[in-house]
Amino acid sequence: MLNRSLATFMNAMTGPNLKELDFMQEGWRLEHTDLNDVKSEIVVKGVVYNEMKGVFSENDNILGQKLQNLILPDHTYGVVSGGDPIEIPNLTWDDLKKIP
């Protein structure tokens, strides 16, 4: 459900013709911390991933989101509209294309 929310959000923002490279830039990708050193640590990057990671860096935001999800499960507030940063890397480009 969380990845479906992210996919729906990305499709709405970028249209149905999202290219794979755009998904990698906007959604998520793996990248070396030092782009010139293939032995450097690999981290998750991406516009949506980084924004949602920032949102969930505050305990108040986490609590507020969880409360909304529990209180209003059948409403828009029942899901994390931008995607839970823990779940975002599970979304693939192929999965995104399947969601209307």
N, C-alpha and C. Protein backbone atom coordinates (compact mmCIF):
# COMPACT_ATOMS: atom_id res chain seq x y z
N MET A 1 0.82 -1.19 0.00
CA MET A 1 0.00 0.00 0.00
C MET A 1 0.86 1.25 0.00
N LEU A 2 1.97 1.23 0.75
CA LEU A 2 2.82 2.41 0.80
C LEU A 2 3.47 2.67 -0.55
N ASN A 3 3.94 1.60 -1.21
CA ASN A 3 4.55 1.79 -2.52
C ASN A 3 3.50 2.17 -3.56
N ARG A 4 2.28 1.68 -3.41
CA ARG A 4 1.21 2.09 -4.33
C ARG A 4 0.96 3.58 -4.20
N SER A 5 1.03 4.10 -2.98
CA SER A 5 0.85 5.53 -2.76
C SER A 5 1.95 6.32 -3.45
N LEU A 6 3.18 5.88 -3.30
CA LEU A 6 4.29 6.57 -3.94
C LEU A 6 4.15 6.51 -5.46
N ALA A 7 3.79 5.34 -5.97
CA ALA A 7 3.66 5.18 -7.42
C ALA A 7 2.54 6.06 -7.96
N THR A 8 1.41 6.10 -7.28
CA THR A 8 0.30 6.94 -7.70
C THR A 8 0.71 8.40 -7.69
N PHE A 9 1.41 8.81 -6.64
CA PHE A 9 1.90 10.18 -6.53
C PHE A 9 2.84 10.52 -7.68
N MET A 10 3.79 9.63 -7.96
CA MET A 10 4.76 9.90 -9.03
C MET A 10 4.09 9.93 -10.39
N ASN A 11 3.14 9.05 -10.63
CA ASN A 11 2.42 9.06 -11.91
C ASN A 11 1.62 10.34 -12.07
N ALA A 12 1.01 10.80 -10.99
CA ALA A 12 0.23 12.03 -11.05
C ALA A 12 1.12 13.23 -11.32
N MET A 13 2.30 13.24 -10.74
CA MET A 13 3.19 14.39 -10.88
C MET A 13 3.93 14.40 -12.23
N THR A 14 4.25 13.22 -12.75
CA THR A 14 5.11 13.17 -13.93
C THR A 14 4.39 12.65 -15.17
N GLY A 15 3.16 12.23 -15.04
CA GLY A 15 2.43 11.70 -16.19
C GLY A 15 2.74 10.24 -16.42
N PRO A 16 1.99 9.62 -17.31
CA PRO A 16 2.12 8.18 -17.52
C PRO A 16 3.34 7.78 -18.32
N ASN A 17 4.07 8.74 -18.88
CA ASN A 17 5.22 8.41 -19.73
C ASN A 17 6.54 8.56 -19.00
N LEU A 18 6.55 8.27 -17.72
CA LEU A 18 7.77 8.38 -16.94
C LEU A 18 8.82 7.41 -17.47
N LYS A 19 9.97 7.91 -17.77
CA LYS A 19 11.07 7.07 -18.27
C LYS A 19 11.86 6.51 -17.09
N GLU A 20 12.54 5.42 -17.34
CA GLU A 20 13.28 4.75 -16.27
C GLU A 20 14.32 5.67 -15.64
N LEU A 21 15.05 6.43 -16.44
CA LEU A 21 16.06 7.34 -15.88
C LEU A 21 15.42 8.42 -15.01
N ASP A 22 14.22 8.87 -15.41
CA ASP A 22 13.50 9.85 -14.58
C ASP A 22 13.12 9.23 -13.24
N PHE A 23 12.66 7.98 -13.28
CA PHE A 23 12.30 7.27 -12.05
C PHE A 23 13.52 7.17 -11.14
N MET A 24 14.67 6.85 -11.72
CA MET A 24 15.88 6.71 -10.92
C MET A 24 16.29 8.04 -10.29
N GLN A 25 16.05 9.13 -10.98
CA GLN A 25 16.38 10.45 -10.42
C GLN A 25 15.36 10.87 -9.37
N GLU A 26 14.09 10.73 -9.72
CA GLU A 26 13.02 11.25 -8.86
C GLU A 26 12.62 10.30 -7.74
N GLY A 27 12.63 9.00 -8.01
CA GLY A 27 12.17 8.02 -7.03
C GLY A 27 13.28 7.61 -6.09
N TRP A 28 14.08 6.63 -6.52
CA TRP A 28 15.20 6.18 -5.71
C TRP A 28 16.23 5.47 -6.58
N ARG A 29 17.46 5.43 -6.08
CA ARG A 29 18.54 4.73 -6.76
C ARG A 29 19.65 4.46 -5.74
N LEU A 30 20.53 3.54 -6.08
CA LEU A 30 21.71 3.28 -5.26
C LEU A 30 22.87 4.07 -5.86
N GLU A 31 23.67 4.67 -4.98
CA GLU A 31 24.76 5.52 -5.47
C GLU A 31 25.92 5.44 -4.47
N HIS A 32 27.14 5.49 -4.99
CA HIS A 32 28.31 5.54 -4.11
C HIS A 32 28.38 6.91 -3.44
N THR A 33 28.84 6.93 -2.18
CA THR A 33 28.98 8.21 -1.48
C THR A 33 30.03 9.06 -2.16
N ASP A 34 31.06 8.45 -2.70
CA ASP A 34 32.07 9.14 -3.50
C ASP A 34 31.95 8.59 -4.91
N LEU A 35 31.41 9.39 -5.81
CA LEU A 35 31.16 8.92 -7.18
C LEU A 35 32.43 8.53 -7.92
N ASN A 36 33.57 8.96 -7.42
CA ASN A 36 34.85 8.63 -8.06
C ASN A 36 35.53 7.41 -7.44
N ASP A 37 34.90 6.81 -6.44
CA ASP A 37 35.49 5.67 -5.74
C ASP A 37 34.47 4.54 -5.66
N VAL A 38 34.68 3.51 -6.50
CA VAL A 38 33.72 2.39 -6.54
C VAL A 38 33.75 1.55 -5.26
N LYS A 39 34.73 1.79 -4.39
CA LYS A 39 34.79 1.07 -3.12
C LYS A 39 34.12 1.84 -1.98
N SER A 40 33.63 3.06 -2.27
CA SER A 40 32.97 3.84 -1.23
C SER A 40 31.61 3.24 -0.90
N GLU A 41 31.09 3.64 0.24
CA GLU A 41 29.79 3.13 0.70
C GLU A 41 28.69 3.43 -0.31
N ILE A 42 27.76 2.48 -0.44
CA ILE A 42 26.61 2.66 -1.32
C ILE A 42 25.42 3.07 -0.46
N VAL A 43 24.74 4.14 -0.89
CA VAL A 43 23.59 4.67 -0.15
C VAL A 43 22.40 4.83 -1.09
N VAL A 44 21.21 4.93 -0.50
CA VAL A 44 19.99 5.17 -1.27
C VAL A 44 19.86 6.67 -1.48
N LYS A 45 19.58 7.09 -2.71
CA LYS A 45 19.37 8.50 -3.03
C LYS A 45 18.12 8.61 -3.89
N GLY A 46 17.70 9.82 -4.15
CA GLY A 46 16.54 10.09 -4.99
C GLY A 46 15.73 11.22 -4.39
N VAL A 47 15.11 12.02 -5.24
CA VAL A 47 14.37 13.20 -4.78
C VAL A 47 13.25 12.80 -3.82
N VAL A 48 12.37 11.90 -4.25
CA VAL A 48 11.25 11.50 -3.40
C VAL A 48 11.76 10.81 -2.13
N TYR A 49 12.71 9.92 -2.29
CA TYR A 49 13.26 9.21 -1.12
C TYR A 49 13.82 10.20 -0.11
N ASN A 50 14.64 11.15 -0.58
CA ASN A 50 15.26 12.10 0.33
C ASN A 50 14.24 13.03 0.99
N GLU A 51 13.23 13.45 0.25
CA GLU A 51 12.20 14.30 0.84
C GLU A 51 11.42 13.56 1.92
N MET A 52 11.05 12.32 1.64
CA MET A 52 10.29 11.56 2.63
C MET A 52 11.16 11.18 3.82
N LYS A 53 12.43 10.92 3.58
CA LYS A 53 13.35 10.65 4.68
C LYS A 53 13.42 11.87 5.60
N GLY A 54 13.43 13.07 5.00
CA GLY A 54 13.43 14.29 5.79
C GLY A 54 12.16 14.45 6.60
N VAL A 55 11.02 14.14 5.98
CA VAL A 55 9.73 14.23 6.68
C VAL A 55 9.72 13.32 7.90
N PHE A 56 10.25 12.13 7.75
CA PHE A 56 10.20 11.15 8.83
C PHE A 56 11.43 11.19 9.73
N SER A 57 12.20 12.28 9.66
CA SER A 57 13.34 12.41 10.56
C SER A 57 12.94 13.00 11.91
N GLU A 58 11.72 13.51 12.00
CA GLU A 58 11.21 14.09 13.24
C GLU A 58 10.19 13.15 13.88
N ASN A 59 10.35 12.88 15.15
CA ASN A 59 9.44 11.98 15.86
C ASN A 59 7.99 12.46 15.81
N ASP A 60 7.79 13.79 15.89
CA ASP A 60 6.42 14.33 15.84
C ASP A 60 5.74 13.97 14.52
N ASN A 61 6.49 14.04 13.43
CA ASN A 61 5.93 13.70 12.12
C ASN A 61 5.58 12.22 12.03
N ILE A 62 6.43 11.38 12.58
CA ILE A 62 6.17 9.94 12.56
C ILE A 62 4.91 9.64 13.36
N LEU A 63 4.81 10.20 14.54
CA LEU A 63 3.64 9.98 15.39
C LEU A 63 2.37 10.49 14.69
N GLY A 64 2.43 11.70 14.15
CA GLY A 64 1.27 12.27 13.47
C GLY A 64 0.82 11.43 12.29
N GLN A 65 1.79 10.94 11.51
CA GLN A 65 1.46 10.11 10.35
C GLN A 65 0.82 8.80 10.78
N LYS A 66 1.39 8.16 11.79
CA LYS A 66 0.84 6.88 12.27
C LYS A 66 -0.57 7.06 12.82
N LEU A 67 -0.80 8.15 13.55
CA LEU A 67 -2.14 8.42 14.08
C LEU A 67 -3.15 8.61 12.95
N GLN A 68 -2.79 9.41 11.96
CA GLN A 68 -3.69 9.60 10.81
C GLN A 68 -3.98 8.29 10.11
N ASN A 69 -2.95 7.47 9.92
CA ASN A 69 -3.12 6.19 9.25
C ASN A 69 -4.09 5.28 10.01
N LEU A 70 -3.99 5.29 11.34
CA LEU A 70 -4.84 4.43 12.16
C LEU A 70 -6.26 4.98 12.30
N ILE A 71 -6.38 6.28 12.48
CA ILE A 71 -7.70 6.89 12.70
C ILE A 71 -8.52 6.92 11.41
N LEU A 72 -7.86 7.15 10.27
CA LEU A 72 -8.56 7.30 8.99
C LEU A 72 -8.06 6.30 7.94
N PRO A 73 -8.19 5.00 8.21
CA PRO A 73 -7.61 4.01 7.31
C PRO A 73 -8.21 3.99 5.90
N ASP A 74 -9.45 4.41 5.73
CA ASP A 74 -10.10 4.38 4.42
C ASP A 74 -10.08 5.74 3.72
N HIS A 75 -9.34 6.66 4.26
CA HIS A 75 -9.26 8.02 3.73
C HIS A 75 -7.87 8.23 3.11
N THR A 76 -7.71 9.32 2.41
CA THR A 76 -6.40 9.68 1.86
C THR A 76 -5.34 9.69 2.95
N TYR A 77 -5.73 10.12 4.16
CA TYR A 77 -4.79 10.17 5.26
C TYR A 77 -4.46 8.79 5.82
N GLY A 78 -5.07 7.76 5.30
CA GLY A 78 -4.79 6.41 5.74
C GLY A 78 -3.51 5.83 5.18
N VAL A 79 -2.90 6.55 4.27
CA VAL A 79 -1.65 6.09 3.66
C VAL A 79 -0.61 7.21 3.72
N VAL A 80 0.63 6.86 3.52
CA VAL A 80 1.71 7.84 3.42
C VAL A 80 1.80 8.23 1.95
N SER A 81 1.26 9.39 1.61
CA SER A 81 1.09 9.74 0.20
C SER A 81 2.40 9.80 -0.58
N GLY A 82 3.48 10.19 0.04
CA GLY A 82 4.76 10.25 -0.66
C GLY A 82 5.56 8.97 -0.56
N GLY A 83 5.12 8.06 0.28
CA GLY A 83 5.82 6.79 0.46
C GLY A 83 6.66 6.79 1.73
N ASP A 84 6.65 5.67 2.41
CA ASP A 84 7.47 5.49 3.60
C ASP A 84 8.90 5.23 3.14
N PRO A 85 9.88 6.00 3.63
CA PRO A 85 11.25 5.82 3.16
C PRO A 85 11.80 4.41 3.35
N ILE A 86 11.26 3.68 4.31
CA ILE A 86 11.71 2.29 4.49
C ILE A 86 11.21 1.43 3.33
N GLU A 87 10.04 1.75 2.80
CA GLU A 87 9.43 0.95 1.73
C GLU A 87 9.77 1.44 0.32
N ILE A 88 10.15 2.69 0.17
CA ILE A 88 10.39 3.26 -1.16
C ILE A 88 11.36 2.41 -1.99
N PRO A 89 12.49 1.95 -1.44
CA PRO A 89 13.41 1.15 -2.27
C PRO A 89 12.84 -0.19 -2.75
N ASN A 90 11.69 -0.60 -2.24
CA ASN A 90 11.07 -1.83 -2.74
C ASN A 90 10.28 -1.60 -4.03
N LEU A 91 10.01 -0.34 -4.37
CA LEU A 91 9.26 -0.03 -5.58
C LEU A 91 10.19 -0.07 -6.78
N THR A 92 9.82 -0.83 -7.79
CA THR A 92 10.61 -0.90 -9.02
C THR A 92 9.94 -0.08 -10.11
N TRP A 93 10.69 0.24 -11.13
CA TRP A 93 10.15 0.98 -12.26
C TRP A 93 9.03 0.19 -12.93
N ASP A 94 9.21 -1.13 -13.05
CA ASP A 94 8.17 -1.98 -13.65
C ASP A 94 6.90 -1.97 -12.81
N ASP A 95 7.04 -2.00 -11.47
CA ASP A 95 5.87 -1.93 -10.60
C ASP A 95 5.14 -0.60 -10.81
N LEU A 96 5.90 0.47 -10.92
CA LEU A 96 5.31 1.80 -11.10
C LEU A 96 4.49 1.87 -12.38
N LYS A 97 4.98 1.27 -13.45
CA LYS A 97 4.27 1.32 -14.74
C LYS A 97 2.96 0.56 -14.70
N LYS A 98 2.81 -0.39 -13.81
CA LYS A 98 1.60 -1.21 -13.73
C LYS A 98 0.44 -0.50 -13.02
N ILE A 99 0.75 0.55 -12.26
CA ILE A 99 -0.26 1.23 -11.46
C ILE A 99 -0.90 2.34 -12.27
N PRO A 100 -2.24 2.34 -12.35
CA PRO A 100 -2.92 3.38 -13.15
C PRO A 100 -2.82 4.75 -12.53
